[in-house]
C-alpha atoms as a PDB file:
ATOM      1  CA  MET A   1     -48.272 -10.110 -10.835  1.00  0.00           C
ATOM      2  CA  ASN A   2     -49.660  -9.830  -7.330  1.00  0.00           C
ATOM      3  CA  GLN A   3     -50.318 -13.508  -6.588  1.00  0.00           C
ATOM      4  CA  VAL A   4     -48.030 -16.490  -5.997  1.00  0.00           C
ATOM      5  CA  ASN A   5     -49.736 -19.889  -6.341  1.00  0.00           C
ATOM      6  CA  GLY A   6     -53.098 -18.159  -6.018  1.00  0.00           C
ATOM      7  CA  GLU A   7     -52.117 -16.361  -2.799  1.00  0.00           C
ATOM      8  CA  HIS A   8     -51.793 -12.590  -2.592  1.00  0.00           C
ATOM      9  CA  LEU A   9     -48.219 -11.384  -2.182  1.00  0.00           C
ATOM     10  CA  ARG A  10     -47.351  -8.960   0.597  1.00  0.00           C
ATOM     11  CA  ALA A  11     -44.011  -7.394   1.487  1.00  0.00           C
ATOM     12  CA  GLY A  12     -42.649  -5.130   4.186  1.00  0.00           C
ATOM     13  CA  ALA A  13     -39.280  -3.446   4.460  1.00  0.00           C
ATOM     14  CA  ALA A  14     -37.401  -1.369   7.007  1.00  0.00           C
ATOM     15  CA  LEU A  15     -33.885  -0.199   7.769  1.00  0.00           C
ATOM     16  CA  THR A  16     -32.022   1.153  10.749  1.00  0.00           C
ATOM     17  CA  ASP A  17     -28.651   2.765  11.344  1.00  0.00           C
ATOM     18  CA  ILE A  18     -26.058   0.449  12.928  1.00  0.00           C
ATOM     19  CA  THR A  19     -23.096   2.816  12.563  1.00  0.00           C
ATOM     20  CA  PRO A  20     -20.640   2.209  15.420  1.00  0.00           C
ATOM     21  CA  SER A  21     -19.547   4.907  17.808  1.00  0.00           C
ATOM     22  CA  ALA A  22     -16.031   6.340  17.660  1.00  0.00           C
ATOM     23  CA  GLY A  23     -13.474   3.937  19.065  1.00  0.00           C
ATOM     24  CA  THR A  24     -15.273   0.752  17.999  1.00  0.00           C
ATOM     25  CA  HIS A  25     -12.888  -1.717  16.345  1.00  0.00           C
ATOM     26  CA  LEU A  26     -13.264  -1.955  12.554  1.00  0.00           C
ATOM     27  CA  SER A  27     -12.408  -5.534  11.713  1.00  0.00           C
ATOM     28  CA  GLY A  28     -11.773  -5.339   7.980  1.00  0.00           C
ATOM     29  CA  SER A  29      -8.043  -4.787   8.408  1.00  0.00           C
ATOM     30  CA  GLY A  30      -4.994  -6.958   8.938  1.00  0.00           C
ATOM     31  CA  CYS A  31      -4.952  -9.750  11.505  1.00  0.00           C
ATOM     32  CA  GLY A  32      -4.257  -8.514  15.003  1.00  0.00           C
ATOM     33  CA  GLU A  33      -4.256  -4.868  13.944  1.00  0.00           C
ATOM     34  CA  HIS A  34      -6.346  -2.500  16.065  1.00  0.00           C
ATOM     35  CA  ARG A  35      -8.272  -0.024  13.938  1.00  0.00           C
ATOM     36  CA  PRO A  36     -10.732   2.021  15.997  1.00  0.00           C
ATOM     37  CA  ALA A  37     -13.433   3.996  14.177  1.00  0.00           C
ATOM     38  CA  GLN A  38     -12.425   7.650  14.078  1.00  0.00           C
ATOM     39  CA  SER A  39     -15.099   9.331  11.981  1.00  0.00           C
ATOM     40  CA  ILE A  40     -18.140   8.538   9.851  1.00  0.00           C
ATOM     41  CA  LEU A  41     -17.952   8.900   6.087  1.00  0.00           C
ATOM     42  CA  ASP A  42     -21.100   6.879   5.345  1.00  0.00           C
ATOM     43  CA  PRO A  43     -23.559   5.310   7.783  1.00  0.00           C
ATOM     44  CA  LEU A  44     -23.911   1.541   8.124  1.00  0.00           C
ATOM     45  CA  PHE A  45     -27.362  -0.006   7.943  1.00  0.00           C
ATOM     46  CA  ALA A  46     -29.318  -3.111   8.841  1.00  0.00           C
ATOM     47  CA  LYS A  47     -31.912  -3.641   6.097  1.00  0.00           C
ATOM     48  CA  VAL A  48     -34.756  -6.137   6.256  1.00  0.00           C
ATOM     49  CA  ILE A  49     -37.371  -7.245   3.745  1.00  0.00           C
ATOM     50  CA  VAL A  50     -40.145  -9.687   4.597  1.00  0.00           C
ATOM     51  CA  PHE A  51     -42.352 -11.458   2.043  1.00  0.00           C
ATOM     52  CA  GLU A  52     -45.649 -13.181   2.761  1.00  0.00           C
ATOM     53  CA  SER A  53     -47.750 -15.415   0.538  1.00  0.00           C
ATOM     54  CA  GLY A  54     -50.614 -17.090   2.373  1.00  0.00           C
ATOM     55  CA  ASP A  55     -49.141 -18.588   5.528  1.00  0.00           C
ATOM     56  CA  ARG A  56     -45.575 -18.701   4.142  1.00  0.00           C
ATOM     57  CA  HIS A  57     -42.969 -16.063   4.937  1.00  0.00           C
ATOM     58  CA  MET A  58     -39.426 -15.204   3.969  1.00  0.00           C
ATOM     59  CA  CYS A  59     -37.176 -12.672   5.725  1.00  0.00           C
ATOM     60  CA  ILE A  60     -33.869 -11.365   4.347  1.00  0.00           C
ATOM     61  CA  VAL A  61     -31.595  -9.408   6.705  1.00  0.00           C
ATOM     62  CA  THR A  62     -28.652  -7.495   5.228  1.00  0.00           C
ATOM     63  CA  LEU A  63     -26.018  -6.076   7.586  1.00  0.00           C
ATOM     64  CA  ASP A  64     -23.354  -3.541   6.635  1.00  0.00           C
ATOM     65  CA  VAL A  65     -20.659  -5.315   8.667  1.00  0.00           C
ATOM     66  CA  THR A  66     -17.510  -7.255   7.820  1.00  0.00           C
ATOM     67  CA  ILE A  67     -18.663 -10.586   9.244  1.00  0.00           C
ATOM     68  CA  VAL A  68     -21.586 -11.964  11.228  1.00  0.00           C
ATOM     69  CA  THR A  69     -20.638 -15.238  12.893  1.00  0.00           C
ATOM     70  CA  ARG A  70     -22.811 -18.337  13.019  1.00  0.00           C
ATOM     71  CA  ASP A  71     -23.615 -17.961  16.720  1.00  0.00           C
ATOM     72  CA  TYR A  72     -24.897 -14.410  16.212  1.00  0.00           C
ATOM     73  CA  THR A  73     -26.721 -15.391  13.010  1.00  0.00           C
ATOM     74  CA  ASP A  74     -28.494 -18.155  14.956  1.00  0.00           C
ATOM     75  CA  LYS A  75     -29.311 -15.731  17.786  1.00  0.00           C
ATOM     76  CA  ILE A  76     -30.774 -13.121  15.403  1.00  0.00           C
ATOM     77  CA  ARG A  77     -32.826 -15.732  13.528  1.00  0.00           C
ATOM     78  CA  SER A  78     -34.099 -17.287  16.755  1.00  0.00           C
ATOM     79  CA  ILE A  79     -35.272 -13.996  18.268  1.00  0.00           C
ATOM     80  CA  ILE A  80     -36.933 -12.859  15.023  1.00  0.00           C
ATOM     81  CA  SER A  81     -38.696 -16.235  14.799  1.00  0.00           C
ATOM     82  CA  GLU A  82     -39.888 -16.046  18.420  1.00  0.00           C
ATOM     83  CA  ARG A  83     -41.224 -12.505  18.023  1.00  0.00           C
ATOM     84  CA  THR A  84     -42.900 -12.920  14.616  1.00  0.00           C
ATOM     85  CA  GLY A  85     -43.758 -16.602  14.305  1.00  0.00           C
ATOM     86  CA  MET A  86     -41.715 -16.983  11.108  1.00  0.00           C
ATOM     87  CA  ASP A  87     -39.973 -20.326  10.614  1.00  0.00           C
ATOM     88  CA  LEU A  88     -36.234 -20.284  11.356  1.00  0.00           C
ATOM     89  CA  GLU A  89     -35.572 -21.759   7.910  1.00  0.00           C
ATOM     90  CA  ALA A  90     -37.272 -18.750   6.311  1.00  0.00           C
ATOM     91  CA  ILE A  91     -34.924 -16.171   7.868  1.00  0.00           C
ATOM     92  CA  MET A  92     -31.633 -15.383   6.111  1.00  0.00           C
ATOM     93  CA  VAL A  93     -28.953 -13.160   7.662  1.00  0.00           C
ATOM     94  CA  HIS A  94     -25.890 -11.990   5.761  1.00  0.00           C
ATOM     95  CA  ALA A  95     -23.114  -9.407   5.886  1.00  0.00           C
ATOM     96  CA  THR A  96     -22.177  -7.117   3.005  1.00  0.00           C
ATOM     97  CA  GLN A  97     -18.533  -7.686   4.032  1.00  0.00           C
ATOM     98  CA  THR A  98     -17.491  -4.070   3.901  1.00  0.00           C
ATOM     99  CA  HIS A  99     -13.952  -3.744   5.216  1.00  0.00           C
ATOM    100  CA  SER A 100     -14.714  -0.414   6.876  1.00  0.00           C
ATOM    101  CA  ALA A 101     -17.062  -1.769   9.511  1.00  0.00           C
ATOM    102  CA  PRO A 102     -17.075  -3.821  12.684  1.00  0.00           C
ATOM    103  CA  SER A 103     -17.910  -7.506  12.822  1.00  0.00           C
ATOM    104  CA  ILE A 104     -20.647  -9.166  14.820  1.00  0.00           C
ATOM    105  CA  GLY A 105     -19.077 -12.024  16.755  1.00  0.00           C
ATOM    106  CA  TYR A 106     -15.564 -13.224  17.519  1.00  0.00           C
ATOM    107  CA  PHE A 107     -13.866 -14.803  14.513  1.00  0.00           C
ATOM    108  CA  MET A 108     -10.097 -14.281  14.783  1.00  0.00           C
ATOM    109  CA  LEU A 109      -9.114 -16.870  17.397  1.00  0.00           C
ATOM    110  CA  ASP A 110     -10.291 -20.376  18.167  1.00  0.00           C
ATOM    111  CA  PRO A 111     -12.751 -20.070  21.084  1.00  0.00           C
ATOM    112  CA  ASP A 112     -10.685 -22.639  22.993  1.00  0.00           C
ATOM    113  CA  PHE A 113      -7.484 -20.598  22.617  1.00  0.00           C
ATOM    114  CA  PRO A 114      -6.472 -19.592  26.169  1.00  0.00           C
ATOM    115  CA  LEU A 115      -6.372 -15.805  25.799  1.00  0.00           C
ATOM    116  CA  GLU A 116      -7.448 -13.472  28.565  1.00  0.00           C
ATOM    117  CA  THR A 117      -8.575 -10.206  27.004  1.00  0.00           C
ATOM    118  CA  THR A 118      -9.278  -6.838  28.526  1.00  0.00           C
ATOM    119  CA  PRO A 119     -11.451  -4.136  26.967  1.00  0.00           C
ATOM    120  CA  ASP A 120      -8.253  -2.727  25.455  1.00  0.00           C
ATOM    121  CA  SER A 121      -7.324  -6.027  23.778  1.00  0.00           C
ATOM    122  CA  GLU A 122     -10.748  -7.465  22.869  1.00  0.00           C
ATOM    123  CA  TYR A 123     -10.059  -6.494  19.237  1.00  0.00           C
ATOM    124  CA  LEU A 124      -7.696  -9.499  19.037  1.00  0.00           C
ATOM    125  CA  HIS A 125     -10.852 -11.623  18.663  1.00  0.00           C
ATOM    126  CA  GLY A 126     -11.814  -9.482  15.641  1.00  0.00           C
ATOM    127  CA  ALA A 127     -14.909  -7.931  17.199  1.00  0.00           C
ATOM    128  CA  GLU A 128     -16.347  -6.267  20.287  1.00  0.00           C
ATOM    129  CA  ARG A 129     -19.254  -7.728  22.273  1.00  0.00           C
ATOM    130  CA  ALA A 130     -20.692  -4.291  23.056  1.00  0.00           C
ATOM    131  CA  TYR A 131     -21.144  -3.535  19.349  1.00  0.00           C
ATOM    132  CA  ALA A 132     -22.551  -7.012  18.661  1.00  0.00           C
ATOM    133  CA  ASP A 133     -25.139  -6.614  21.441  1.00  0.00           C
ATOM    134  CA  PHE A 134     -26.144  -3.178  20.105  1.00  0.00           C
ATOM    135  CA  ALA A 135     -26.425  -4.500  16.540  1.00  0.00           C
ATOM    136  CA  VAL A 136     -28.467  -7.586  17.479  1.00  0.00           C
ATOM    137  CA  GLU A 137     -31.021  -5.474  19.335  1.00  0.00           C
ATOM    138  CA  ALA A 138     -31.261  -3.032  16.412  1.00  0.00           C
ATOM    139  CA  VAL A 139     -31.615  -5.860  13.864  1.00  0.00           C
ATOM    140  CA  VAL A 140     -34.408  -7.581  15.775  1.00  0.00           C
ATOM    141  CA  LEU A 141     -36.344  -4.316  16.147  1.00  0.00           C
ATOM    142  CA  VAL A 142     -36.012  -3.457  12.443  1.00  0.00           C
ATOM    143  CA  ALA A 143     -37.084  -6.988  11.446  1.00  0.00           C
ATOM    144  CA  ILE A 144     -40.221  -6.622  13.558  1.00  0.00           C
ATOM    145  CA  LYS A 145     -40.846  -3.236  11.922  1.00  0.00           C
ATOM    146  CA  ALA A 146     -40.539  -4.803   8.441  1.00  0.00           C
ATOM    147  CA  TRP A 147     -42.966  -7.540   9.568  1.00  0.00           C
ATOM    148  CA  GLU A 148     -45.414  -4.884  10.779  1.00  0.00           C
ATOM    149  CA  ASN A 149     -45.041  -3.011   7.457  1.00  0.00           C
ATOM    150  CA  LEU A 150     -46.399  -5.928   5.377  1.00  0.00           C
ATOM    151  CA  GLN A 151     -48.710  -4.668   2.636  1.00  0.00           C
ATOM    152  CA  PRO A 152     -49.957  -5.900  -0.748  1.00  0.00           C
ATOM    153  CA  VAL A 153     -47.336  -5.610  -3.492  1.00  0.00           C
ATOM    154  CA  ARG A 154     -46.974  -6.343  -7.174  1.00  0.00           C
ATOM    155  CA  ILE A 155     -43.934  -8.009  -8.628  1.00  0.00           C
ATOM    156  CA  GLY A 156     -42.630  -7.539 -12.136  1.00  0.00           C
ATOM    157  CA  LEU A 157     -39.794  -8.605 -14.347  1.00  0.00           C
ATOM    158  CA  GLY A 158     -37.658  -6.697 -16.797  1.00  0.00           C
ATOM    159  CA  ARG A 159     -34.544  -7.182 -18.840  1.00  0.00           C
ATOM    160  CA  GLY A 160     -31.721  -4.903 -19.905  1.00  0.00           C
ATOM    161  CA  ILE A 161     -27.972  -4.523 -20.258  1.00  0.00           C
ATOM    162  CA  GLU A 162     -25.784  -2.242 -18.160  1.00  0.00           C
ATOM    163  CA  GLY A 163     -22.135  -2.790 -19.081  1.00  0.00           C
ATOM    164  CA  ASP A 164     -20.649  -0.535 -16.397  1.00  0.00           C
ATOM    165  CA  LEU A 165     -22.367  -2.047 -13.375  1.00  0.00           C
ATOM    166  CA  ALA A 166     -19.843  -4.810 -12.727  1.00  0.00           C
ATOM    167  CA  PHE A 167     -16.597  -5.480 -14.512  1.00  0.00           C
ATOM    168  CA  ASN A 168     -13.111  -6.894 -14.000  1.00  0.00           C
ATOM    169  CA  ARG A 169     -10.976  -3.980 -12.797  1.00  0.00           C
ATOM    170  CA  ARG A 170      -7.807  -5.900 -13.645  1.00  0.00           C
ATOM    171  CA  GLY A 171      -8.779  -6.739 -17.195  1.00  0.00           C
ATOM    172  CA  VAL A 172      -6.688  -5.252 -20.011  1.00  0.00           C
ATOM    173  CA  LEU A 173      -8.775  -2.959 -22.199  1.00  0.00           C
ATOM    174  CA  ARG A 174      -8.113  -1.800 -25.763  1.00  0.00           C
ATOM    175  CA  ASN A 175      -6.504   1.402 -24.488  1.00  0.00           C
ATOM    176  CA  GLY A 176      -4.051  -0.568 -22.359  1.00  0.00           C
END
C-alpha cells in the first residue's frame, strides 16, 4: 500500500549520535548519586521518522536518554514545528529510558527547592544543562534532516510469532 485515504504516503528518517562526553552525569542511578560517564560501550542516538500524507504530517523522535522532561519536550517540539511547519500536535518526543545515559532536563528536585548548585553539584538535579543544550540542538537538526529526506514509501503488514523476543525473566520455567 502506498496511499492513505487516496493520498500518497511519504516518509523520511535520520539519526544522529548524542553520546555524552566523558564526565557527563549519567542519571539512571540512585538518587543523589554522582555517576560521571567514564567510557563508551555503545553510542546513544536521537532517531527521527517523519510521515507525510497529503498536507498531514507526523514526526516521532526517539532519544536514547533516561528522561526528557516536559519543558525540554515542549522546546524540541516547538523548534521542530517552527522550522518545518508541522503541527505541534503531530510531533512526539520520547526517551528510551536507558539507565546508562544522561537525562535532558532537571527532574530530581522541585524547581522551587532553594538549592544553589555549582558545576560540581549540578548532578543533584538529575541532569546537566550543557548536555541538554547539546542534545536539543542535535535533535532539531536531525528532525529537519528527516523532514528533508521525505520520499515515497510503501507500507505493508505481516504476522508471525517470535517467542524469545520478550518474556518474563522472573517466570518459573519447566527446568526450574
